[in-house]
């Protein structure tokens, strides 16, 4: 007899897979930077010293963006705050689900765009914001809108913004270090590096400096896709109605209108990829997608029906 997967199973499974990816990512980051440092002859500083220095610098660079990212994203998206009096139904929907989730009420924003979509931002639940497009309000029914709201509140409750900020630090660290050492190689840099590292280390370091940023980006996208699955499952635990979110996802993904204010830098935040026609097809190409395949998300939601 096959095991019945409940929404709780999907949540715990996605949490485990996310942290497994993060553990591998952390080991990969340290290993890549250490190998590059040794290969380029920075042994007297110590490869691990270079790793620590790089992580500190990347952390400082991302500190400001972390605390101001919500305002930046909301500004880029043209989102405007709403009040309870101006949008009573939407405000009540968010408020009710926030109470069910045990979270503080987030600030609610509206984007004047007929393309249906939504996203959550903010560094923690006390500083969270959820933005909806005018299109999603007009094109979804009450249960579908509840499903979308629960999904976005789950991003807030699961601390996805914090997690993705950490991932961005690691990706930025690898890219910065790789670029620094490649420039050091091409423009002379340290004249004694050949005596400090053997030829094998040098070859491995060059290969790592070229490939590591690509691999890091792929891992970042993998984490992003996994958190979407987790938010779907966590959202179902709030509404107890998987079909509401599944129906919303079908409508949003099937809508042909392009969200004008979205770009590649903010696309991963939305519940569905807002860059219509930009979702890659095929196993290898799908590794570069910001969101999981829609068929996979809806299938997972179908499996939760009657099991929450």
C-alpha atoms as a PDB file:
ATOM      1  CA  UNK A   1       0.000   0.000   0.000  1.00  0.00           C
ATOM      2  CA  UNK A   2       1.448   3.362  -1.043  1.00  0.00           C
ATOM      3  CA  UNK A   3       2.014   6.066   1.544  1.00  0.00           C
ATOM      4  CA  UNK A   4      -0.524   8.917   1.615  1.00  0.00           C
ATOM      5  CA  UNK A   5       1.214  12.289   1.473  1.00  0.00           C
ATOM      6  CA  UNK A   6      -0.511  14.988   3.526  1.00  0.00           C
ATOM      7  CA  UNK A   7       0.138  18.721   3.384  1.00  0.00           C
ATOM      8  CA  UNK A   8       2.325  18.330   6.475  1.00  0.00           C
ATOM      9  CA  UNK A   9       4.410  15.741   4.610  1.00  0.00           C
ATOM     10  CA  UNK A  10       4.905  18.184   1.733  1.00  0.00           C
ATOM     11  CA  UNK A  11       5.929  20.943   4.156  1.00  0.00           C
ATOM     12  CA  UNK A  12       8.444  18.807   6.070  1.00  0.00           C
ATOM     13  CA  UNK A  13       9.808  17.289   2.849  1.00  0.00           C
ATOM     14  CA  UNK A  14      10.365  20.670   1.244  1.00  0.00           C
ATOM     15  CA  UNK A  15      11.979  22.057   4.406  1.00  0.00           C
ATOM     16  CA  UNK A  16      14.424  19.143   4.498  1.00  0.00           C
ATOM     17  CA  UNK A  17      15.302  19.512   0.816  1.00  0.00           C
ATOM     18  CA  UNK A  18      15.802  23.278   1.191  1.00  0.00           C
ATOM     19  CA  UNK A  19      18.211  22.976   4.109  1.00  0.00           C
ATOM     20  CA  UNK A  20      20.024  20.103   2.414  1.00  0.00           C
ATOM     21  CA  UNK A  21      20.587  22.347  -0.608  1.00  0.00           C
ATOM     22  CA  UNK A  22      21.721  25.163   1.702  1.00  0.00           C
ATOM     23  CA  UNK A  23      24.197  22.860   3.455  1.00  0.00           C
ATOM     24  CA  UNK A  24      25.643  21.724   0.133  1.00  0.00           C
ATOM     25  CA  UNK A  25      25.715  25.359  -1.038  1.00  0.00           C
ATOM     26  CA  UNK A  26      27.674  26.448   2.036  1.00  0.00           C
ATOM     27  CA  UNK A  27      30.235  23.667   1.581  1.00  0.00           C
ATOM     28  CA  UNK A  28      30.484  24.504  -2.117  1.00  0.00           C
ATOM     29  CA  UNK A  29      31.050  28.208  -1.354  1.00  0.00           C
ATOM     30  CA  UNK A  30      33.844  27.578   1.130  1.00  0.00           C
ATOM     31  CA  UNK A  31      35.456  24.931  -1.092  1.00  0.00           C
ATOM     32  CA  UNK A  32      35.326  27.061  -4.242  1.00  0.00           C
ATOM     33  CA  UNK A  33      36.818  30.146  -2.593  1.00  0.00           C
ATOM     34  CA  UNK A  34      39.500  28.107  -0.827  1.00  0.00           C
ATOM     35  CA  UNK A  35      40.497  26.385  -4.077  1.00  0.00           C
ATOM     36  CA  UNK A  36      40.658  29.678  -5.971  1.00  0.00           C
ATOM     37  CA  UNK A  37      42.732  31.295  -3.210  1.00  0.00           C
ATOM     38  CA  UNK A  38      45.220  28.418  -3.076  1.00  0.00           C
ATOM     39  CA  UNK A  39      45.475  28.099  -6.830  1.00  0.00           C
ATOM     40  CA  UNK A  40      46.307  31.761  -7.264  1.00  0.00           C
ATOM     41  CA  UNK A  41      49.087  31.651  -4.670  1.00  0.00           C
ATOM     42  CA  UNK A  42      47.503  33.290  -1.631  1.00  0.00           C
ATOM     43  CA  UNK A  43      48.749  30.550   0.706  1.00  0.00           C
ATOM     44  CA  UNK A  44      50.639  32.869   3.061  1.00  0.00           C
ATOM     45  CA  UNK A  45      47.393  34.648   3.876  1.00  0.00           C
ATOM     46  CA  UNK A  46      45.711  31.289   4.236  1.00  0.00           C
ATOM     47  CA  UNK A  47      42.952  30.001   2.021  1.00  0.00           C
ATOM     48  CA  UNK A  48      40.536  29.885   4.949  1.00  0.00           C
ATOM     49  CA  UNK A  49      41.486  33.467   5.800  1.00  0.00           C
ATOM     50  CA  UNK A  50      40.528  34.499   2.288  1.00  0.00           C
ATOM     51  CA  UNK A  51      37.206  32.649   2.692  1.00  0.00           C
ATOM     52  CA  UNK A  52      36.415  34.520   5.902  1.00  0.00           C
ATOM     53  CA  UNK A  53      37.405  37.874   4.405  1.00  0.00           C
ATOM     54  CA  UNK A  54      35.259  37.259   1.315  1.00  0.00           C
ATOM     55  CA  UNK A  55      32.222  36.247   3.368  1.00  0.00           C
ATOM     56  CA  UNK A  56      32.555  39.344   5.581  1.00  0.00           C
ATOM     57  CA  UNK A  57      32.839  41.675   2.597  1.00  0.00           C
ATOM     58  CA  UNK A  58      29.873  40.072   0.819  1.00  0.00           C
ATOM     59  CA  UNK A  59      27.844  40.254   4.015  1.00  0.00           C
ATOM     60  CA  UNK A  60      28.531  43.971   4.384  1.00  0.00           C
ATOM     61  CA  UNK A  61      27.603  44.624   0.749  1.00  0.00           C
ATOM     62  CA  UNK A  62      24.299  42.798   1.166  1.00  0.00           C
ATOM     63  CA  UNK A  63      23.488  44.304   4.577  1.00  0.00           C
ATOM     64  CA  UNK A  64      22.101  47.528   3.159  1.00  0.00           C
ATOM     65  CA  UNK A  65      20.169  45.778   0.374  1.00  0.00           C
ATOM     66  CA  UNK A  66      18.647  43.381   2.917  1.00  0.00           C
ATOM     67  CA  UNK A  67      17.229  46.164   5.099  1.00  0.00           C
ATOM     68  CA  UNK A  68      16.077  48.282   2.159  1.00  0.00           C
ATOM     69  CA  UNK A  69      15.132  45.611  -0.383  1.00  0.00           C
ATOM     70  CA  UNK A  70      11.394  45.772   0.405  1.00  0.00           C
ATOM     71  CA  UNK A  71      11.226  49.510  -0.267  1.00  0.00           C
ATOM     72  CA  UNK A  72      13.304  49.097  -3.434  1.00  0.00           C
ATOM     73  CA  UNK A  73      11.109  46.297  -4.805  1.00  0.00           C
ATOM     74  CA  UNK A  74       7.856  48.064  -3.933  1.00  0.00           C
ATOM     75  CA  UNK A  75       9.154  51.246  -5.546  1.00  0.00           C
ATOM     76  CA  UNK A  76      10.252  49.474  -8.727  1.00  0.00           C
ATOM     77  CA  UNK A  77       6.870  47.740  -8.919  1.00  0.00           C
ATOM     78  CA  UNK A  78       4.928  50.973  -8.545  1.00  0.00           C
ATOM     79  CA  UNK A  79       3.061  49.527  -5.561  1.00  0.00           C
ATOM     80  CA  UNK A  80       0.849  51.871  -3.544  1.00  0.00           C
ATOM     81  CA  UNK A  81      -0.377  51.181   0.017  1.00  0.00           C
ATOM     82  CA  UNK A  82      -4.080  50.617   0.567  1.00  0.00           C
ATOM     83  CA  UNK A  83      -6.310  51.093   3.602  1.00  0.00           C
ATOM     84  CA  UNK A  84      -9.104  49.035   5.071  1.00  0.00           C
ATOM     85  CA  UNK A  85     -11.669  51.594   3.978  1.00  0.00           C
ATOM     86  CA  UNK A  86     -10.551  51.634   0.339  1.00  0.00           C
ATOM     87  CA  UNK A  87     -10.358  47.834  -0.167  1.00  0.00           C
ATOM     88  CA  UNK A  88     -12.437  46.211   2.553  1.00  0.00           C
ATOM     89  CA  UNK A  89     -12.678  42.726   0.994  1.00  0.00           C
ATOM     90  CA  UNK A  90      -8.974  42.375   0.263  1.00  0.00           C
ATOM     91  CA  UNK A  91      -8.040  43.809   3.659  1.00  0.00           C
ATOM     92  CA  UNK A  92     -10.388  41.372   5.422  1.00  0.00           C
ATOM     93  CA  UNK A  93      -9.020  38.411   3.457  1.00  0.00           C
ATOM     94  CA  UNK A  94      -5.441  39.227   4.437  1.00  0.00           C
ATOM     95  CA  UNK A  95      -6.419  39.963   8.024  1.00  0.00           C
ATOM     96  CA  UNK A  96      -8.313  36.687   8.528  1.00  0.00           C
ATOM     97  CA  UNK A  97      -5.525  34.542   7.102  1.00  0.00           C
ATOM     98  CA  UNK A  98      -2.912  36.484   9.071  1.00  0.00           C
ATOM     99  CA  UNK A  99      -4.773  35.623  12.285  1.00  0.00           C
ATOM    100  CA  UNK A 100      -4.948  31.965  11.223  1.00  0.00           C
ATOM    101  CA  UNK A 101      -1.204  31.967  10.545  1.00  0.00           C
ATOM    102  CA  UNK A 102      -0.387  33.690  13.840  1.00  0.00           C
ATOM    103  CA  UNK A 103       1.467  36.490  12.066  1.00  0.00           C
ATOM    104  CA  UNK A 104       1.408  40.286  12.408  1.00  0.00           C
ATOM    105  CA  UNK A 105      -0.740  42.006   9.815  1.00  0.00           C
ATOM    106  CA  UNK A 106       1.528  42.932   6.872  1.00  0.00           C
ATOM    107  CA  UNK A 107       1.256  46.158   4.953  1.00  0.00           C
ATOM    108  CA  UNK A 108      -0.919  45.684   1.881  1.00  0.00           C
ATOM    109  CA  UNK A 109      -0.031  47.247  -1.475  1.00  0.00           C
ATOM    110  CA  UNK A 110      -1.709  47.444  -4.858  1.00  0.00           C
ATOM    111  CA  UNK A 111      -0.036  47.522  -8.269  1.00  0.00           C
ATOM    112  CA  UNK A 112      -2.075  49.147 -11.035  1.00  0.00           C
ATOM    113  CA  UNK A 113      -1.638  46.462 -13.694  1.00  0.00           C
ATOM    114  CA  UNK A 114      -4.225  44.213 -15.323  1.00  0.00           C
ATOM    115  CA  UNK A 115      -1.888  41.183 -15.341  1.00  0.00           C
ATOM    116  CA  UNK A 116      -2.816  38.950 -12.361  1.00  0.00           C
ATOM    117  CA  UNK A 117       0.030  38.384  -9.886  1.00  0.00           C
ATOM    118  CA  UNK A 118       1.207  38.986  -6.313  1.00  0.00           C
ATOM    119  CA  UNK A 119       4.335  38.887  -4.189  1.00  0.00           C
ATOM    120  CA  UNK A 120       5.498  39.220  -0.573  1.00  0.00           C
ATOM    121  CA  UNK A 121       8.558  41.069   0.664  1.00  0.00           C
ATOM    122  CA  UNK A 122      10.087  42.291   3.913  1.00  0.00           C
ATOM    123  CA  UNK A 123      12.969  41.041   6.054  1.00  0.00           C
ATOM    124  CA  UNK A 124      10.751  39.473   8.767  1.00  0.00           C
ATOM    125  CA  UNK A 125       7.047  39.114   9.705  1.00  0.00           C
ATOM    126  CA  UNK A 126       7.083  42.441  11.593  1.00  0.00           C
ATOM    127  CA  UNK A 127       8.302  44.280   8.481  1.00  0.00           C
ATOM    128  CA  UNK A 128       6.385  42.317   5.831  1.00  0.00           C
ATOM    129  CA  UNK A 129       4.368  43.600   2.908  1.00  0.00           C
ATOM    130  CA  UNK A 130       2.162  41.868   0.354  1.00  0.00           C
ATOM    131  CA  UNK A 131       1.470  43.406  -3.043  1.00  0.00           C
ATOM    132  CA  UNK A 132      -1.395  42.448  -5.352  1.00  0.00           C
ATOM    133  CA  UNK A 133      -2.046  43.629  -8.885  1.00  0.00           C
ATOM    134  CA  UNK A 134      -5.418  45.095  -9.781  1.00  0.00           C
ATOM    135  CA  UNK A 135      -5.656  42.283 -12.332  1.00  0.00           C
ATOM    136  CA  UNK A 136      -5.550  39.555  -9.700  1.00  0.00           C
ATOM    137  CA  UNK A 137      -8.376  41.215  -7.781  1.00  0.00           C
ATOM    138  CA  UNK A 138     -10.604  41.352 -10.845  1.00  0.00           C
ATOM    139  CA  UNK A 139      -9.794  37.934 -12.307  1.00  0.00           C
ATOM    140  CA  UNK A 140      -9.792  35.647  -9.271  1.00  0.00           C
ATOM    141  CA  UNK A 141     -12.746  34.629  -7.124  1.00  0.00           C
ATOM    142  CA  UNK A 142     -12.746  34.746  -3.323  1.00  0.00           C
ATOM    143  CA  UNK A 143     -11.367  31.231  -2.741  1.00  0.00           C
ATOM    144  CA  UNK A 144      -8.634  31.675  -5.346  1.00  0.00           C
ATOM    145  CA  UNK A 145      -7.591  35.002  -3.823  1.00  0.00           C
ATOM    146  CA  UNK A 146      -7.483  33.341  -0.396  1.00  0.00           C
ATOM    147  CA  UNK A 147      -5.183  30.678  -1.834  1.00  0.00           C
ATOM    148  CA  UNK A 148      -2.814  33.308  -3.257  1.00  0.00           C
ATOM    149  CA  UNK A 149      -2.855  35.316  -0.013  1.00  0.00           C
ATOM    150  CA  UNK A 150      -2.116  32.200   2.064  1.00  0.00           C
ATOM    151  CA  UNK A 151       0.799  31.372  -0.255  1.00  0.00           C
ATOM    152  CA  UNK A 152       2.311  34.848   0.179  1.00  0.00           C
ATOM    153  CA  UNK A 153       1.768  34.830   3.947  1.00  0.00           C
ATOM    154  CA  UNK A 154       3.558  31.481   4.034  1.00  0.00           C
ATOM    155  CA  UNK A 155       6.588  33.119   2.401  1.00  0.00           C
ATOM    156  CA  UNK A 156       6.510  35.612   5.270  1.00  0.00           C
ATOM    157  CA  UNK A 157       6.064  32.960   7.962  1.00  0.00           C
ATOM    158  CA  UNK A 158       8.718  30.689   6.474  1.00  0.00           C
ATOM    159  CA  UNK A 159      11.271  33.550   6.491  1.00  0.00           C
ATOM    160  CA  UNK A 160      11.881  33.088   2.769  1.00  0.00           C
ATOM    161  CA  UNK A 161      13.091  36.662   2.350  1.00  0.00           C
ATOM    162  CA  UNK A 162      15.761  36.060   4.989  1.00  0.00           C
ATOM    163  CA  UNK A 163      16.783  32.755   3.432  1.00  0.00           C
ATOM    164  CA  UNK A 164      17.041  34.211  -0.062  1.00  0.00           C
ATOM    165  CA  UNK A 165      19.078  37.118   1.344  1.00  0.00           C
ATOM    166  CA  UNK A 166      21.563  34.587   2.739  1.00  0.00           C
ATOM    167  CA  UNK A 167      21.642  32.773  -0.599  1.00  0.00           C
ATOM    168  CA  UNK A 168      22.257  36.077  -2.374  1.00  0.00           C
ATOM    169  CA  UNK A 169      25.194  36.722  -0.047  1.00  0.00           C
ATOM    170  CA  UNK A 170      26.734  33.368  -0.956  1.00  0.00           C
ATOM    171  CA  UNK A 171      26.170  33.869  -4.683  1.00  0.00           C
ATOM    172  CA  UNK A 172      27.548  37.388  -4.503  1.00  0.00           C
ATOM    173  CA  UNK A 173      30.564  36.162  -2.556  1.00  0.00           C
ATOM    174  CA  UNK A 174      31.461  33.534  -5.131  1.00  0.00           C
ATOM    175  CA  UNK A 175      30.953  35.925  -8.056  1.00  0.00           C
ATOM    176  CA  UNK A 176      33.010  38.683  -6.427  1.00  0.00           C
ATOM    177  CA  UNK A 177      35.914  36.408  -5.464  1.00  0.00           C
ATOM    178  CA  UNK A 178      35.950  34.666  -8.856  1.00  0.00           C
ATOM    179  CA  UNK A 179      35.982  38.016 -10.670  1.00  0.00           C
ATOM    180  CA  UNK A 180      38.746  39.378  -8.423  1.00  0.00           C
ATOM    181  CA  UNK A 181      41.051  36.432  -8.968  1.00  0.00           C
ATOM    182  CA  UNK A 182      40.412  36.264 -12.712  1.00  0.00           C
ATOM    183  CA  UNK A 183      41.348  39.926 -12.978  1.00  0.00           C
ATOM    184  CA  UNK A 184      44.426  39.189 -10.878  1.00  0.00           C
ATOM    185  CA  UNK A 185      45.377  36.465 -13.357  1.00  0.00           C
ATOM    186  CA  UNK A 186      44.904  38.485 -16.544  1.00  0.00           C
ATOM    187  CA  UNK A 187      46.414  41.743 -15.275  1.00  0.00           C
ATOM    188  CA  UNK A 188      49.507  40.336 -13.644  1.00  0.00           C
ATOM    189  CA  UNK A 189      48.565  40.704  -9.992  1.00  0.00           C
ATOM    190  CA  UNK A 190      50.867  38.627  -7.831  1.00  0.00           C
ATOM    191  CA  UNK A 191      54.150  37.755  -9.524  1.00  0.00           C
ATOM    192  CA  UNK A 192      54.895  34.942  -7.085  1.00  0.00           C
ATOM    193  CA  UNK A 193      51.683  33.033  -7.530  1.00  0.00           C
ATOM    194  CA  UNK A 194      53.298  30.389  -9.813  1.00  0.00           C
ATOM    195  CA  UNK A 195      55.746  29.468  -7.082  1.00  0.00           C
ATOM    196  CA  UNK A 196      53.032  29.334  -4.474  1.00  0.00           C
ATOM    197  CA  UNK A 197      50.617  27.005  -6.215  1.00  0.00           C
ATOM    198  CA  UNK A 198      51.390  24.104  -8.508  1.00  0.00           C
ATOM    199  CA  UNK A 199      50.076  23.833 -12.046  1.00  0.00           C
ATOM    200  CA  UNK A 200      47.246  21.469 -11.082  1.00  0.00           C
ATOM    201  CA  UNK A 201      45.984  23.889  -8.454  1.00  0.00           C
ATOM    202  CA  UNK A 202      46.176  26.715 -10.980  1.00  0.00           C
ATOM    203  CA  UNK A 203      44.138  24.799 -13.581  1.00  0.00           C
ATOM    204  CA  UNK A 204      41.531  23.833 -10.970  1.00  0.00           C
ATOM    205  CA  UNK A 205      41.379  27.408  -9.708  1.00  0.00           C
ATOM    206  CA  UNK A 206      40.771  28.831 -13.181  1.00  0.00           C
ATOM    207  CA  UNK A 207      38.060  26.244 -13.881  1.00  0.00           C
ATOM    208  CA  UNK A 208      36.454  26.984 -10.517  1.00  0.00           C
ATOM    209  CA  UNK A 209      36.554  30.756 -11.074  1.00  0.00           C
ATOM    210  CA  UNK A 210      34.729  30.281 -14.399  1.00  0.00           C
ATOM    211  CA  UNK A 211      32.189  27.639 -13.381  1.00  0.00           C
ATOM    212  CA  UNK A 212      31.508  28.445  -9.717  1.00  0.00           C
ATOM    213  CA  UNK A 213      29.346  31.571 -10.354  1.00  0.00           C
ATOM    214  CA  UNK A 214      27.196  29.573 -12.795  1.00  0.00           C
ATOM    215  CA  UNK A 215      26.779  26.681 -10.367  1.00  0.00           C
ATOM    216  CA  UNK A 216      26.017  29.119  -7.531  1.00  0.00           C
ATOM    217  CA  UNK A 217      23.278  30.759  -9.594  1.00  0.00           C
ATOM    218  CA  UNK A 218      21.768  27.353 -10.387  1.00  0.00           C
ATOM    219  CA  UNK A 219      21.696  26.512  -6.674  1.00  0.00           C
ATOM    220  CA  UNK A 220      20.102  29.870  -5.917  1.00  0.00           C
ATOM    221  CA  UNK A 221      17.337  29.148  -8.426  1.00  0.00           C
ATOM    222  CA  UNK A 222      16.895  25.632  -7.010  1.00  0.00           C
ATOM    223  CA  UNK A 223      16.356  27.103  -3.534  1.00  0.00           C
ATOM    224  CA  UNK A 224      13.865  29.604  -4.978  1.00  0.00           C
ATOM    225  CA  UNK A 225      11.872  26.829  -6.680  1.00  0.00           C
ATOM    226  CA  UNK A 226      11.878  24.702  -3.516  1.00  0.00           C
ATOM    227  CA  UNK A 227      10.536  27.617  -1.450  1.00  0.00           C
ATOM    228  CA  UNK A 228       7.661  28.003  -3.912  1.00  0.00           C
ATOM    229  CA  UNK A 229       6.674  24.376  -3.315  1.00  0.00           C
ATOM    230  CA  UNK A 230       6.936  24.975   0.432  1.00  0.00           C
ATOM    231  CA  UNK A 231       4.786  28.126   0.292  1.00  0.00           C
ATOM    232  CA  UNK A 232       2.147  26.220  -1.713  1.00  0.00           C
ATOM    233  CA  UNK A 233       1.983  23.466   0.907  1.00  0.00           C
ATOM    234  CA  UNK A 234       2.096  25.880   3.856  1.00  0.00           C
ATOM    235  CA  UNK A 235      -0.632  27.978   2.262  1.00  0.00           C
ATOM    236  CA  UNK A 236      -2.901  24.960   1.967  1.00  0.00           C
ATOM    237  CA  UNK A 237      -2.530  24.382   5.709  1.00  0.00           C
ATOM    238  CA  UNK A 238      -4.042  27.840   6.217  1.00  0.00           C
ATOM    239  CA  UNK A 239      -6.979  27.610   3.803  1.00  0.00           C
ATOM    240  CA  UNK A 240      -7.553  23.827   4.004  1.00  0.00           C
ATOM    241  CA  UNK A 241      -8.577  24.083   0.349  1.00  0.00           C
ATOM    242  CA  UNK A 242      -5.869  23.064  -2.156  1.00  0.00           C
ATOM    243  CA  UNK A 243      -8.126  23.587  -5.167  1.00  0.00           C
ATOM    244  CA  UNK A 244      -8.403  27.305  -4.419  1.00  0.00           C
ATOM    245  CA  UNK A 245      -4.666  27.840  -4.928  1.00  0.00           C
ATOM    246  CA  UNK A 246      -4.480  25.325  -7.791  1.00  0.00           C
ATOM    247  CA  UNK A 247      -7.258  27.146  -9.648  1.00  0.00           C
ATOM    248  CA  UNK A 248      -5.551  30.494  -9.022  1.00  0.00           C
ATOM    249  CA  UNK A 249      -2.252  29.191 -10.386  1.00  0.00           C
ATOM    250  CA  UNK A 250      -3.978  27.925 -13.530  1.00  0.00           C
ATOM    251  CA  UNK A 251      -5.636  31.293 -14.130  1.00  0.00           C
ATOM    252  CA  UNK A 252      -2.526  33.367 -13.459  1.00  0.00           C
ATOM    253  CA  UNK A 253      -0.211  31.185 -15.559  1.00  0.00           C
ATOM    254  CA  UNK A 254      -2.778  30.994 -18.356  1.00  0.00           C
ATOM    255  CA  UNK A 255      -3.256  34.747 -18.525  1.00  0.00           C
ATOM    256  CA  UNK A 256      -1.455  36.210 -21.550  1.00  0.00           C
ATOM    257  CA  UNK A 257      -0.943  39.719 -20.224  1.00  0.00           C
ATOM    258  CA  UNK A 258       2.623  40.685 -19.319  1.00  0.00           C
ATOM    259  CA  UNK A 259       3.258  42.407 -16.008  1.00  0.00           C
ATOM    260  CA  UNK A 260       4.900  45.608 -17.227  1.00  0.00           C
ATOM    261  CA  UNK A 261       6.644  46.532 -13.964  1.00  0.00           C
ATOM    262  CA  UNK A 262       8.342  43.147 -13.519  1.00  0.00           C
ATOM    263  CA  UNK A 263      11.935  42.443 -14.532  1.00  0.00           C
ATOM    264  CA  UNK A 264      14.483  39.654 -14.165  1.00  0.00           C
ATOM    265  CA  UNK A 265      15.611  41.020 -10.816  1.00  0.00           C
ATOM    266  CA  UNK A 266      12.139  40.842  -9.255  1.00  0.00           C
ATOM    267  CA  UNK A 267      10.562  37.956 -11.199  1.00  0.00           C
ATOM    268  CA  UNK A 268      11.416  35.342  -8.552  1.00  0.00           C
ATOM    269  CA  UNK A 269       9.324  37.186  -5.953  1.00  0.00           C
ATOM    270  CA  UNK A 270       5.994  36.706  -7.714  1.00  0.00           C
ATOM    271  CA  UNK A 271       3.714  33.718  -7.164  1.00  0.00           C
ATOM    272  CA  UNK A 272       3.912  32.952 -10.904  1.00  0.00           C
ATOM    273  CA  UNK A 273       6.719  33.990 -13.266  1.00  0.00           C
ATOM    274  CA  UNK A 274       5.516  37.399 -14.555  1.00  0.00           C
ATOM    275  CA  UNK A 275       7.784  37.300 -17.620  1.00  0.00           C
ATOM    276  CA  UNK A 276       5.412  35.503 -19.939  1.00  0.00           C
ATOM    277  CA  UNK A 277       7.055  33.260 -22.503  1.00  0.00           C
ATOM    278  CA  UNK A 278      10.414  33.389 -20.679  1.00  0.00           C
ATOM    279  CA  UNK A 279      10.007  30.072 -18.825  1.00  0.00           C
ATOM    280  CA  UNK A 280      12.601  27.638 -20.149  1.00  0.00           C
ATOM    281  CA  UNK A 281      11.542  24.209 -21.406  1.00  0.00           C
ATOM    282  CA  UNK A 282      13.464  20.981 -21.096  1.00  0.00           C
ATOM    283  CA  UNK A 283      15.329  19.399 -18.168  1.00  0.00           C
ATOM    284  CA  UNK A 284      18.569  21.357 -18.513  1.00  0.00           C
ATOM    285  CA  UNK A 285      16.933  24.638 -19.496  1.00  0.00           C
ATOM    286  CA  UNK A 286      14.467  24.358 -16.599  1.00  0.00           C
ATOM    287  CA  UNK A 287      17.396  24.586 -14.169  1.00  0.00           C
ATOM    288  CA  UNK A 288      17.483  28.313 -14.972  1.00  0.00           C
ATOM    289  CA  UNK A 289      13.786  28.893 -14.159  1.00  0.00           C
ATOM    290  CA  UNK A 290      12.854  30.983 -11.115  1.00  0.00           C
ATOM    291  CA  UNK A 291       9.688  28.942 -10.476  1.00  0.00           C
ATOM    292  CA  UNK A 292       8.855  25.218 -10.532  1.00  0.00           C
ATOM    293  CA  UNK A 293       6.914  23.872 -13.526  1.00  0.00           C
ATOM    294  CA  UNK A 294       3.256  24.776 -13.136  1.00  0.00           C
ATOM    295  CA  UNK A 295       2.228  21.171 -13.801  1.00  0.00           C
ATOM    296  CA  UNK A 296       4.357  20.001 -10.870  1.00  0.00           C
ATOM    297  CA  UNK A 297       2.893  22.609  -8.513  1.00  0.00           C
ATOM    298  CA  UNK A 298      -0.684  21.760  -9.414  1.00  0.00           C
ATOM    299  CA  UNK A 299       0.019  18.021  -9.159  1.00  0.00           C
ATOM    300  CA  UNK A 300       1.423  18.490  -5.652  1.00  0.00           C
ATOM    301  CA  UNK A 301      -1.668  20.490  -4.670  1.00  0.00           C
ATOM    302  CA  UNK A 302      -3.953  17.794  -6.076  1.00  0.00           C
ATOM    303  CA  UNK A 303      -2.205  15.232  -3.887  1.00  0.00           C
ATOM    304  CA  UNK A 304      -3.145  17.271  -0.817  1.00  0.00           C
ATOM    305  CA  UNK A 305      -6.899  17.274  -1.502  1.00  0.00           C
ATOM    306  CA  UNK A 306      -8.770  15.658   1.364  1.00  0.00           C
ATOM    307  CA  UNK A 307      -5.554  15.252   3.378  1.00  0.00           C
ATOM    308  CA  UNK A 308      -5.414  18.532   5.307  1.00  0.00           C
END
